[in-house]
N, C-alpha and C. Protein backbone atom coordinates (compact mmCIF):
# COMPACT_ATOMS: atom_id res chain seq x y z
N MET A 1 197.26 3.33 65.01
CA MET A 1 195.42 3.40 65.60
C MET A 1 194.80 4.76 65.77
N PHE A 2 195.00 5.34 65.15
CA PHE A 2 193.99 6.46 64.61
C PHE A 2 193.48 6.16 63.13
N ILE A 3 194.37 5.67 62.13
CA ILE A 3 193.85 4.73 61.08
C ILE A 3 192.79 3.86 61.21
N ALA A 4 192.78 2.72 61.78
CA ALA A 4 191.70 2.40 61.87
C ALA A 4 190.58 2.93 62.95
N SER A 5 191.12 4.17 63.35
CA SER A 5 189.88 4.48 64.68
C SER A 5 188.83 5.42 63.43
N ARG A 6 189.70 6.48 62.65
CA ARG A 6 189.51 7.15 61.75
C ARG A 6 188.33 5.56 60.54
N MET A 7 188.75 4.31 60.31
CA MET A 7 188.15 3.96 59.70
C MET A 7 186.56 3.62 60.11
N PHE A 8 186.28 3.16 61.34
CA PHE A 8 185.77 2.93 62.58
C PHE A 8 184.43 3.47 62.01
N ASP A 9 184.36 5.05 62.24
CA ASP A 9 183.84 6.21 62.41
C ASP A 9 183.33 6.18 60.98
N VAL A 10 184.27 6.08 59.93
CA VAL A 10 183.74 5.88 58.04
C VAL A 10 182.81 4.69 58.74
N LEU A 11 183.16 3.40 58.58
CA LEU A 11 181.96 2.78 58.21
C LEU A 11 180.87 2.87 59.55
N CYS A 12 180.64 3.72 60.70
CA CYS A 12 179.99 3.75 61.00
C CYS A 12 178.59 4.30 60.24
N LEU A 13 179.13 5.20 60.28
CA LEU A 13 179.10 6.89 58.92
C LEU A 13 177.64 5.94 58.25
N LEU A 14 178.74 4.63 57.47
CA LEU A 14 178.50 4.23 55.78
C LEU A 14 176.93 3.58 56.47
N TYR A 15 176.51 2.48 57.50
CA TYR A 15 175.75 1.79 58.13
C TYR A 15 174.79 3.26 58.59
N VAL A 16 174.86 3.89 58.98
CA VAL A 16 173.81 5.17 59.73
C VAL A 16 172.71 5.79 58.02
N GLN A 17 173.93 5.87 57.43
CA GLN A 17 173.21 6.31 56.40
C GLN A 17 173.06 5.24 55.12
N GLN A 18 173.46 4.95 55.06
CA GLN A 18 172.04 3.06 54.94
C GLN A 18 171.35 2.76 54.95
N LEU A 19 170.97 2.85 57.15
CA LEU A 19 169.81 2.79 57.79
C LEU A 19 168.68 3.66 57.63
N PHE A 20 169.39 5.30 57.45
CA PHE A 20 168.49 5.86 57.46
C PHE A 20 167.27 5.98 55.97
N SER A 21 168.36 5.91 53.87
CA SER A 21 168.47 5.70 53.34
C SER A 21 167.60 4.33 53.18
N SER A 22 167.60 3.21 53.76
CA SER A 22 167.10 2.15 53.09
C SER A 22 165.00 2.37 54.36
N GLY A 23 164.56 3.38 55.05
CA GLY A 23 163.67 3.81 56.05
C GLY A 23 162.54 4.94 54.96
N THR A 24 163.47 5.68 53.97
CA THR A 24 162.77 6.85 53.05
C THR A 24 162.53 5.84 51.64
N ALA A 25 163.08 5.18 50.96
CA ALA A 25 162.97 4.70 49.74
C ALA A 25 162.17 3.58 50.32
N ASP A 26 160.49 4.05 50.85
CA ASP A 26 159.99 2.90 50.33
C ASP A 26 159.42 2.51 49.18
N LEU A 27 159.25 1.35 49.11
CA LEU A 27 158.20 0.83 48.13
C LEU A 27 156.73 1.64 47.93
N PRO A 28 156.89 2.20 46.53
CA PRO A 28 155.05 2.90 46.52
C PRO A 28 154.60 2.11 46.02
N PRO A 29 153.22 1.95 47.00
CA PRO A 29 152.01 1.09 46.90
C PRO A 29 151.78 1.21 45.76
N PRO A 30 150.39 0.26 45.65
CA PRO A 30 149.71 0.46 44.11
C PRO A 30 148.80 1.55 44.62
N CYS A 31 148.38 1.69 43.32
CA CYS A 31 147.35 3.22 43.58
C CYS A 31 146.01 3.25 42.48
N ASN A 32 145.51 3.74 42.35
CA ASN A 32 144.09 3.46 41.78
C ASN A 32 142.87 2.47 41.73
N VAL A 33 143.23 1.98 43.33
CA VAL A 33 142.43 0.27 43.88
C VAL A 33 140.51 1.34 43.91
N SER A 34 140.56 0.01 43.17
CA SER A 34 139.14 -0.18 42.82
C SER A 34 137.84 -1.16 43.09
N PHE A 35 137.32 -1.76 43.38
CA PHE A 35 136.09 -2.89 44.10
C PHE A 35 135.34 -3.24 43.14
N VAL A 36 135.15 -4.00 41.89
CA VAL A 36 134.42 -4.42 41.22
C VAL A 36 133.26 -5.15 41.27
N SER A 37 132.06 -5.02 41.38
CA SER A 37 131.14 -6.37 41.95
C SER A 37 129.63 -6.14 40.97
N GLU A 38 129.81 -6.92 40.33
CA GLU A 38 128.74 -6.66 38.92
C GLU A 38 127.84 -8.40 39.41
N ASN A 39 126.70 -8.15 39.51
CA ASN A 39 125.86 -9.78 39.07
C ASN A 39 126.70 -11.28 40.61
N PHE A 40 127.36 -10.79 41.01
CA PHE A 40 128.07 -11.21 42.38
C PHE A 40 129.64 -11.74 41.97
N GLN A 41 130.30 -10.97 40.85
CA GLN A 41 131.21 -11.90 40.40
C GLN A 41 132.22 -10.27 40.57
N HIS A 42 132.78 -10.50 41.04
CA HIS A 42 133.26 -9.70 42.34
C HIS A 42 135.51 -9.68 41.85
N ALA A 43 135.85 -8.25 41.64
CA ALA A 43 137.09 -8.26 41.34
C ALA A 43 138.12 -6.76 41.57
N LEU A 44 138.95 -6.98 42.61
CA LEU A 44 140.04 -6.11 43.12
C LEU A 44 140.94 -5.77 41.20
N LYS A 45 140.79 -4.12 41.17
CA LYS A 45 141.55 -3.68 40.43
C LYS A 45 142.58 -2.80 40.92
N TRP A 46 143.93 -2.92 40.16
CA TRP A 46 144.81 -1.37 40.99
C TRP A 46 145.70 -1.36 39.60
N GLU A 47 146.82 -0.15 39.80
CA GLU A 47 147.71 0.57 38.91
C GLU A 47 148.75 0.17 39.94
N ALA A 48 149.63 0.16 39.24
CA ALA A 48 151.61 0.09 39.65
C ALA A 48 151.73 1.75 40.23
N GLY A 49 151.72 1.70 41.81
CA GLY A 49 152.48 2.65 42.13
C GLY A 49 153.84 3.53 41.61
N ASP A 50 154.45 2.39 41.33
CA ASP A 50 155.73 2.91 40.18
C ASP A 50 155.96 2.75 38.98
N PRO A 51 155.51 2.87 37.61
CA PRO A 51 155.51 2.10 36.53
C PRO A 51 156.76 2.00 35.86
N GLY A 52 157.98 2.43 36.98
CA GLY A 52 159.36 2.53 35.80
C GLY A 52 159.69 0.89 37.16
N SER A 53 159.32 0.53 38.29
CA SER A 53 159.68 -0.20 39.55
C SER A 53 160.13 -1.62 38.18
N VAL A 54 160.80 -2.46 38.69
CA VAL A 54 161.00 -3.61 38.22
C VAL A 54 160.37 -4.62 39.26
N ALA A 55 160.52 -6.13 38.60
CA ALA A 55 159.72 -7.05 39.41
C ALA A 55 158.96 -6.96 40.49
N THR A 56 157.84 -6.37 40.18
CA THR A 56 157.40 -6.08 41.42
C THR A 56 155.56 -7.03 40.89
N ASN A 57 155.49 -7.91 42.07
CA ASN A 57 154.54 -8.01 42.38
C ASN A 57 153.36 -8.12 43.79
N TYR A 58 152.24 -8.52 43.68
CA TYR A 58 151.61 -7.68 44.49
C TYR A 58 150.50 -9.10 45.54
N THR A 59 150.29 -8.73 46.58
CA THR A 59 149.28 -9.95 47.90
C THR A 59 148.27 -8.95 47.85
N VAL A 60 147.37 -9.89 47.95
CA VAL A 60 145.68 -9.72 48.64
C VAL A 60 145.55 -10.14 49.18
N GLU A 61 144.86 -9.91 50.44
CA GLU A 61 144.45 -10.08 51.36
C GLU A 61 142.70 -9.73 51.95
N TYR A 62 142.62 -10.51 52.66
CA TYR A 62 140.93 -9.85 52.95
C TYR A 62 140.55 -10.07 54.37
N ILE A 63 139.47 -9.56 54.96
CA ILE A 63 139.21 -9.78 55.93
C ILE A 63 137.61 -9.92 56.07
N SER A 64 136.58 -10.83 57.22
CA SER A 64 135.35 -11.00 56.82
C SER A 64 135.11 -10.48 58.14
N PHE A 65 133.56 -10.07 58.16
CA PHE A 65 132.58 -9.76 59.33
C PHE A 65 131.25 -10.62 59.22
N LYS A 66 130.70 -10.76 60.48
CA LYS A 66 129.40 -11.07 60.52
C LYS A 66 128.98 -10.28 60.54
N ASN A 67 127.87 -10.03 59.67
CA ASN A 67 127.14 -8.96 59.53
C ASN A 67 125.61 -9.25 60.14
N LEU A 68 125.79 -8.19 61.35
CA LEU A 68 124.26 -8.75 61.91
C LEU A 68 123.15 -8.15 61.65
N SER A 69 123.14 -7.19 61.23
CA SER A 69 121.99 -5.90 60.37
C SER A 69 122.72 -6.13 59.05
N SER A 70 121.39 -7.24 58.22
CA SER A 70 121.48 -7.44 56.99
C SER A 70 121.12 -6.79 56.28
N CYS A 71 121.32 -6.23 55.13
CA CYS A 71 120.80 -5.97 53.78
C CYS A 71 119.67 -6.36 53.77
N LEU A 72 119.30 -4.85 53.95
CA LEU A 72 117.71 -4.78 53.31
C LEU A 72 116.49 -5.26 52.34
N ARG A 73 117.88 -5.58 51.41
CA ARG A 73 116.74 -5.65 50.79
C ARG A 73 116.84 -7.47 50.39
N CYS A 74 118.04 -8.30 51.50
CA CYS A 74 117.77 -9.94 51.50
C CYS A 74 117.17 -9.95 52.58
N SER A 75 116.97 -8.83 53.25
CA SER A 75 116.40 -9.36 54.72
C SER A 75 115.54 -10.23 55.07
N LYS A 76 114.86 -10.74 53.89
CA LYS A 76 113.61 -11.08 54.32
C LYS A 76 113.57 -12.55 53.70
N ARG A 77 114.64 -13.38 53.30
CA ARG A 77 114.43 -14.03 51.93
C ARG A 77 115.22 -15.43 53.04
N LYS A 78 114.20 -16.01 53.85
CA LYS A 78 114.67 -17.05 54.91
C LYS A 78 115.82 -17.69 54.06
N ASN A 79 116.20 -18.07 53.63
CA ASN A 79 117.10 -19.04 52.82
C ASN A 79 119.15 -18.72 52.28
N ILE A 80 118.82 -17.46 52.60
CA ILE A 80 120.02 -16.70 53.20
C ILE A 80 120.48 -16.85 54.36
N ARG A 81 122.08 -17.55 54.50
CA ARG A 81 121.88 -17.56 55.82
C ARG A 81 123.41 -17.03 56.50
N ILE A 82 123.69 -16.40 57.39
CA ILE A 82 124.96 -15.66 57.66
C ILE A 82 126.13 -16.79 57.88
N VAL A 83 127.60 -16.09 57.63
CA VAL A 83 128.02 -17.47 57.43
C VAL A 83 128.56 -16.88 59.45
N THR A 84 129.63 -17.46 59.77
CA THR A 84 130.39 -16.54 61.09
C THR A 84 132.14 -16.32 60.10
N PRO A 85 132.57 -15.98 60.19
CA PRO A 85 133.85 -16.02 59.62
C PRO A 85 134.88 -16.39 60.67
N ARG A 86 136.02 -16.91 59.66
CA ARG A 86 137.23 -17.24 59.40
C ARG A 86 137.81 -16.24 61.00
N ASN A 87 138.16 -17.46 61.90
CA ASN A 87 138.62 -16.47 63.11
C ASN A 87 138.53 -15.52 63.66
N ASN A 88 137.03 -15.90 63.31
CA ASN A 88 136.00 -14.30 64.50
C ASN A 88 136.46 -12.90 63.37
N GLY A 89 136.67 -12.73 62.63
CA GLY A 89 137.30 -11.64 61.65
C GLY A 89 138.19 -10.92 62.52
N ASN A 90 139.16 -11.49 62.86
CA ASN A 90 140.31 -10.97 64.13
C ASN A 90 141.25 -10.84 63.09
N GLU A 91 141.05 -12.03 62.04
CA GLU A 91 142.37 -11.64 61.23
C GLU A 91 142.33 -11.32 60.08
N TRP A 92 142.93 -10.91 59.22
CA TRP A 92 143.39 -11.39 57.82
C TRP A 92 143.86 -12.07 57.58
N GLN A 93 143.50 -12.32 55.75
CA GLN A 93 143.65 -13.87 55.92
C GLN A 93 143.83 -13.82 54.27
N PRO A 94 145.15 -14.57 53.32
CA PRO A 94 145.25 -14.60 52.74
C PRO A 94 144.03 -15.34 51.39
N VAL A 95 144.44 -13.93 50.10
CA VAL A 95 143.72 -14.44 48.73
C VAL A 95 144.87 -15.34 48.20
N HIS A 96 144.87 -17.10 48.06
CA HIS A 96 146.39 -17.38 47.68
C HIS A 96 146.73 -17.07 46.44
N HIS A 97 145.33 -17.57 45.77
CA HIS A 97 145.50 -17.18 43.47
C HIS A 97 146.25 -15.46 43.95
N CYS A 98 146.56 -15.04 44.93
CA CYS A 98 146.97 -12.99 44.20
C CYS A 98 147.96 -12.91 45.47
N SER A 99 148.20 -13.82 45.86
CA SER A 99 150.19 -13.38 46.42
C SER A 99 151.44 -13.64 45.99
N HIS A 100 151.84 -12.70 46.02
CA HIS A 100 152.96 -12.59 45.18
C HIS A 100 152.40 -12.53 43.18
N THR A 101 151.93 -12.51 42.57
CA THR A 101 150.74 -12.45 42.05
C THR A 101 151.62 -11.01 40.74
N PRO A 102 151.87 -11.74 39.86
CA PRO A 102 152.22 -9.65 38.54
C PRO A 102 150.80 -9.17 38.49
N GLN A 103 150.40 -9.68 38.72
CA GLN A 103 149.03 -9.21 37.68
C GLN A 103 148.29 -8.43 38.73
N GLN A 104 147.48 -7.18 37.84
CA GLN A 104 147.23 -5.83 38.59
C GLN A 104 145.71 -5.98 38.56
N MET A 105 144.84 -7.50 39.04
CA MET A 105 143.87 -7.75 38.96
C MET A 105 144.10 -9.36 39.68
N CYS A 106 142.65 -8.95 40.96
CA CYS A 106 142.88 -10.32 42.23
C CYS A 106 140.83 -10.47 40.87
N ASP A 107 140.36 -11.89 40.78
CA ASP A 107 139.67 -12.05 41.32
C ASP A 107 139.18 -12.86 41.96
N LEU A 108 138.06 -12.53 43.29
CA LEU A 108 137.78 -12.27 44.58
C LEU A 108 136.36 -12.97 44.66
N THR A 109 135.77 -13.86 43.78
CA THR A 109 134.01 -14.27 43.49
C THR A 109 134.12 -15.08 44.15
N GLU A 110 135.09 -16.37 44.36
CA GLU A 110 135.26 -17.04 44.97
C GLU A 110 135.79 -17.15 45.97
N ILE A 111 135.72 -16.17 47.28
CA ILE A 111 136.41 -15.42 47.98
C ILE A 111 135.09 -15.43 49.11
N PHE A 112 134.17 -14.87 48.52
CA PHE A 112 132.91 -14.21 49.30
C PHE A 112 131.39 -14.94 49.20
N PRO A 113 131.74 -16.28 49.63
CA PRO A 113 130.39 -17.55 49.48
C PRO A 113 128.88 -16.51 49.93
N ALA A 114 129.63 -15.84 51.06
CA ALA A 114 128.45 -15.66 52.26
C ALA A 114 128.30 -14.20 51.72
N ILE A 115 127.13 -14.37 50.69
CA ILE A 115 126.33 -12.85 50.93
C ILE A 115 126.19 -11.31 51.47
N LEU A 116 125.59 -11.93 52.99
CA LEU A 116 125.36 -11.45 53.90
C LEU A 116 126.11 -10.60 54.72
N ASN A 117 127.79 -11.97 54.78
CA ASN A 117 128.88 -11.37 54.98
C ASN A 117 129.48 -9.68 54.85
N THR A 118 129.47 -8.90 55.75
CA THR A 118 131.16 -7.72 55.63
C THR A 118 132.06 -8.36 54.99
N TYR A 119 133.04 -7.78 53.57
CA TYR A 119 133.74 -8.00 53.79
C TYR A 119 135.09 -6.05 53.55
N CYS A 120 136.59 -6.53 54.23
CA CYS A 120 137.76 -5.29 53.29
C CYS A 120 138.28 -6.35 52.65
N ILE A 121 139.30 -5.58 51.84
CA ILE A 121 140.55 -6.39 51.38
C ILE A 121 141.59 -4.97 50.64
N ARG A 122 142.75 -5.53 51.31
CA ARG A 122 143.69 -4.53 50.71
C ARG A 122 145.23 -5.57 50.22
N VAL A 123 145.39 -4.88 49.51
CA VAL A 123 146.72 -5.10 48.72
C VAL A 123 147.55 -4.76 48.66
N LYS A 124 149.10 -4.70 48.89
CA LYS A 124 150.46 -4.03 48.61
C LYS A 124 151.66 -4.75 47.95
N ALA A 125 152.66 -3.95 47.39
CA ALA A 125 153.17 -4.58 46.30
C ALA A 125 154.71 -4.97 47.48
N VAL A 126 155.39 -6.44 46.05
CA VAL A 126 155.95 -6.95 47.46
C VAL A 126 157.08 -6.82 46.03
N THR A 127 158.36 -6.91 46.84
CA THR A 127 159.24 -7.00 45.45
C THR A 127 160.41 -8.47 46.58
N GLU A 128 161.90 -8.89 46.20
CA GLU A 128 162.60 -9.92 46.68
C GLU A 128 162.84 -8.83 47.59
N ALA A 129 163.12 -7.34 47.97
CA ALA A 129 163.75 -7.14 48.76
C ALA A 129 162.95 -5.93 49.83
N GLU A 130 161.85 -5.36 49.99
CA GLU A 130 160.60 -4.72 50.60
C GLU A 130 159.64 -5.51 50.46
N ASP A 131 158.60 -4.66 51.08
CA ASP A 131 157.30 -4.45 50.99
C ASP A 131 157.03 -3.06 50.86
N SER A 132 155.21 -3.12 50.16
CA SER A 132 155.06 -1.47 50.65
C SER A 132 154.20 -1.37 51.78
N LYS A 133 153.49 -0.60 51.87
CA LYS A 133 152.81 -0.24 53.01
C LYS A 133 151.07 -0.76 52.26
N TRP A 134 150.08 -1.17 53.10
CA TRP A 134 149.05 -1.54 52.67
C TRP A 134 148.05 -0.42 52.22
N ILE A 135 147.44 -1.37 51.14
CA ILE A 135 146.01 -0.13 50.50
C ILE A 135 144.73 -0.47 51.14
N SER A 136 143.98 -0.19 51.39
CA SER A 136 142.56 -0.62 51.69
C SER A 136 141.71 -0.38 51.08
N THR A 137 140.36 -1.14 50.16
CA THR A 137 139.16 -0.83 50.45
C THR A 137 138.18 -0.62 50.88
N ASP A 138 137.08 0.17 50.94
CA ASP A 138 135.88 0.28 52.46
C ASP A 138 135.03 -1.10 52.24
N GLU A 139 134.59 -1.07 53.57
CA GLU A 139 133.98 -2.27 53.22
C GLU A 139 132.56 -2.70 51.99
N PHE A 140 133.16 -4.31 52.29
CA PHE A 140 131.57 -4.44 50.90
C PHE A 140 130.90 -5.41 51.34
N GLN A 141 129.63 -5.47 51.12
CA GLN A 141 128.49 -6.12 51.41
C GLN A 141 128.49 -7.02 50.10
N PRO A 142 128.42 -8.02 49.75
CA PRO A 142 127.72 -8.96 48.69
C PRO A 142 126.49 -8.56 47.84
N CYS A 143 125.26 -8.83 49.03
CA CYS A 143 124.23 -8.67 48.69
C CYS A 143 123.91 -7.29 48.23
N ARG A 144 124.44 -6.46 48.87
CA ARG A 144 123.71 -4.63 49.29
C ARG A 144 124.61 -4.04 48.03
N ASP A 145 126.05 -4.33 47.89
CA ASP A 145 126.75 -3.10 46.89
C ASP A 145 127.01 -3.74 45.80
N THR A 146 126.69 -4.92 45.72
CA THR A 146 126.91 -5.73 44.04
C THR A 146 125.73 -5.07 43.34
N LYS A 147 126.22 -5.10 41.94
CA LYS A 147 125.42 -3.65 40.72
C LYS A 147 125.05 -5.30 39.51
N LEU A 148 123.15 -5.34 39.48
CA LEU A 148 122.90 -6.06 39.13
C LEU A 148 122.65 -6.02 37.16
N ARG A 149 123.01 -6.35 36.79
CA ARG A 149 122.65 -6.27 35.29
C ARG A 149 122.36 -7.16 34.76
N ALA A 150 121.75 -7.10 33.47
CA ALA A 150 120.66 -7.98 32.94
C ALA A 150 121.74 -8.37 32.21
N ALA A 151 121.77 -9.88 31.73
CA ALA A 151 122.77 -10.58 30.26
C ALA A 151 121.86 -11.07 28.92
N ASN A 152 122.30 -11.44 28.03
CA ASN A 152 122.07 -11.68 27.43
C ASN A 152 121.02 -10.55 26.50
N ALA A 153 121.45 -9.40 26.64
CA ALA A 153 120.14 -9.05 25.90
C ALA A 153 120.02 -9.02 24.18
N HIS A 154 118.62 -8.29 24.17
CA HIS A 154 119.03 -8.45 22.13
C HIS A 154 117.77 -7.83 22.24
N LEU A 155 117.40 -6.93 20.65
CA LEU A 155 116.43 -6.82 20.57
C LEU A 155 115.37 -7.50 19.15
N VAL A 156 114.38 -7.57 19.52
CA VAL A 156 114.02 -8.89 18.81
C VAL A 156 112.90 -8.28 17.94
N ASP A 157 112.94 -7.65 16.62
CA ASP A 157 112.06 -7.52 15.20
C ASP A 157 110.50 -8.23 15.72
N ARG A 158 109.25 -7.12 15.85
CA ARG A 158 108.00 -8.76 15.53
C ARG A 158 107.10 -7.22 14.75
N ASN A 159 107.30 -7.49 13.63
CA ASN A 159 106.02 -7.32 12.44
C ASN A 159 106.28 -5.52 12.99
N GLY A 160 107.24 -5.27 12.44
CA GLY A 160 107.54 -3.63 13.16
C GLY A 160 107.33 -3.26 14.60
N ASN A 161 107.39 -4.24 15.34
CA ASN A 161 107.49 -4.36 16.87
C ASN A 161 108.76 -4.28 17.73
N LEU A 162 109.84 -3.47 18.38
CA LEU A 162 110.65 -4.17 19.05
C LEU A 162 110.51 -4.50 19.86
N GLN A 163 110.69 -5.72 20.67
CA GLN A 163 110.65 -6.60 21.77
C GLN A 163 112.06 -6.53 22.42
N ILE A 164 112.46 -6.17 23.67
CA ILE A 164 113.89 -6.48 24.16
C ILE A 164 113.55 -7.56 25.01
N ARG A 165 114.11 -8.66 25.04
CA ARG A 165 115.10 -9.90 25.06
C ARG A 165 115.76 -10.05 25.56
N PHE A 166 115.82 -10.44 27.58
CA PHE A 166 117.06 -10.76 28.56
C PHE A 166 116.86 -11.64 29.04
N ASP A 167 118.13 -12.65 29.96
CA ASP A 167 117.75 -13.72 30.43
C ASP A 167 118.88 -12.84 31.94
N PHE A 168 117.88 -13.44 33.15
CA PHE A 168 118.91 -13.53 34.85
C PHE A 168 120.13 -13.73 34.73
N ALA A 169 120.46 -12.66 34.94
CA ALA A 169 122.37 -12.91 35.18
C ALA A 169 122.26 -14.10 36.22
N GLU A 170 123.31 -14.89 35.37
CA GLU A 170 123.48 -16.38 35.94
C GLU A 170 124.05 -16.30 37.27
N LEU A 171 124.46 -16.80 38.37
CA LEU A 171 125.40 -16.43 39.75
C LEU A 171 126.29 -17.54 39.43
N PRO A 172 127.54 -16.96 40.89
CA PRO A 172 128.35 -18.39 40.23
C PRO A 172 128.50 -19.29 40.87
N PRO A 173 128.96 -20.64 40.71
CA PRO A 173 129.21 -21.39 41.54
C PRO A 173 129.07 -21.67 42.53
N ILE A 174 129.98 -20.24 43.61
CA ILE A 174 130.66 -20.30 44.83
C ILE A 174 129.38 -20.07 46.01
N ILE A 175 127.72 -19.15 44.59
CA ILE A 175 127.26 -19.30 45.37
C ILE A 175 125.77 -20.22 45.58
N LYS A 176 125.51 -20.72 44.38
CA LYS A 176 124.20 -21.95 44.00
C LYS A 176 125.08 -23.16 44.71
N ASN A 177 126.21 -23.35 45.66
CA ASN A 177 126.76 -23.91 46.32
C ASN A 177 126.39 -23.70 48.32
N GLU A 178 125.87 -22.64 48.10
CA GLU A 178 124.94 -22.45 49.60
C GLU A 178 123.80 -22.61 48.85
N GLY A 179 122.71 -23.13 48.10
CA GLY A 179 122.04 -23.18 48.39
C GLY A 179 120.57 -21.88 47.36
N ILE A 180 121.63 -21.68 47.27
CA ILE A 180 120.39 -20.54 46.27
C ILE A 180 120.82 -20.69 44.79
N ASP A 181 119.73 -20.42 44.10
CA ASP A 181 119.76 -21.04 42.88
C ASP A 181 119.28 -19.68 41.85
N SER A 182 119.38 -18.67 42.00
CA SER A 182 119.20 -17.76 41.38
C SER A 182 119.01 -16.18 41.96
N LEU A 183 119.10 -15.29 41.40
CA LEU A 183 118.99 -13.54 41.87
C LEU A 183 117.44 -13.70 42.69
N ILE A 184 116.78 -14.54 41.83
CA ILE A 184 114.83 -14.49 42.60
C ILE A 184 114.76 -14.80 44.02
N ASP A 185 116.17 -16.15 44.19
CA ASP A 185 115.87 -16.52 45.71
C ASP A 185 116.58 -15.58 46.46
N ILE A 186 117.03 -14.34 45.53
CA ILE A 186 118.15 -13.57 47.06
C ILE A 186 117.14 -12.32 47.25
N PHE A 187 116.25 -11.80 45.67
CA PHE A 187 116.16 -10.64 45.84
C PHE A 187 114.08 -10.30 46.28
N GLY A 188 113.72 -11.48 45.32
CA GLY A 188 112.30 -11.85 45.45
C GLY A 188 111.51 -11.29 44.28
N LYS A 189 111.80 -10.01 43.55
CA LYS A 189 111.34 -9.52 42.24
C LYS A 189 112.62 -8.88 41.96
N LEU A 190 112.87 -8.41 40.68
CA LEU A 190 113.62 -7.71 40.15
C LEU A 190 113.04 -6.50 39.50
N ASN A 191 113.09 -5.65 39.49
CA ASN A 191 112.92 -4.73 38.71
C ASN A 191 114.14 -4.19 37.52
N TYR A 192 113.63 -4.10 36.03
CA TYR A 192 114.46 -3.64 35.32
C TYR A 192 114.37 -2.25 34.79
N TYR A 193 114.97 -0.49 34.38
CA TYR A 193 115.17 0.50 33.65
C TYR A 193 115.70 0.41 31.86
N ILE A 194 114.84 0.49 31.48
CA ILE A 194 114.58 -0.05 30.02
C ILE A 194 115.19 2.60 29.73
N THR A 195 116.10 2.53 28.49
CA THR A 195 116.12 3.46 28.74
C THR A 195 116.93 3.61 27.11
N ILE A 196 116.08 4.63 26.19
CA ILE A 196 116.09 4.15 24.73
C ILE A 196 116.74 5.94 24.29
N ALA A 197 117.77 5.31 23.45
CA ALA A 197 118.47 6.55 22.90
C ALA A 197 118.26 6.85 21.43
N LYS A 198 118.45 7.79 21.08
CA LYS A 198 117.56 7.87 19.42
C LYS A 198 119.07 9.06 18.82
N ASP A 199 119.58 8.91 17.70
CA ASP A 199 120.77 9.69 17.53
C ASP A 199 121.58 10.30 18.76
N GLY A 200 121.73 8.78 19.04
CA GLY A 200 122.67 9.40 20.37
C GLY A 200 121.93 10.47 21.65
N LYS A 201 121.06 10.77 21.52
CA LYS A 201 120.07 11.14 22.95
C LYS A 201 119.18 10.93 23.49
N VAL A 202 118.58 10.11 24.72
CA VAL A 202 118.60 9.42 25.60
C VAL A 202 116.55 10.25 25.33
N GLU A 203 115.72 9.01 25.07
CA GLU A 203 114.51 9.66 25.01
C GLU A 203 113.52 9.71 26.22
């Protein structure tokens, strides 16, 4: 009877130790999480919180808010609408192509068709045994925060005179489906700044 009681005490102690150890050995979350957006092409990037861990995948979610105070540089365009978010922005939505993915990048271009809405994104690490805590980004509004870059820029020599030629960046199909054909439809006009460097020095 004494031996059975001691064995029960040992088993209870081992259970408590296992309980506490599993609670403190959390899976490290992703680190260096960054959001990159250029010409309405959006991507979330991150690095492994524990590069030595094995079989770690990642899951990305987003939440959308209807932005009542639309971006100033887009607010005068009548052909841009504000979309009411799914579930009124109260619930995080899965990014299905970035659910349990081994990649450390998630293309979100197709997820953000409403360029006047505001979005937040979060990512976590997952294994078969546990999940890490979520790491969230700052809020993002495509119209306000995307970086604009000229496309296909190149120099042309015209009788000793150099000319710079470039194209407007092409909008993603998901935005064209909203009835917006070009950057001019969004911003009305675009100003470009040209920097000239000679022998590695900006003039």
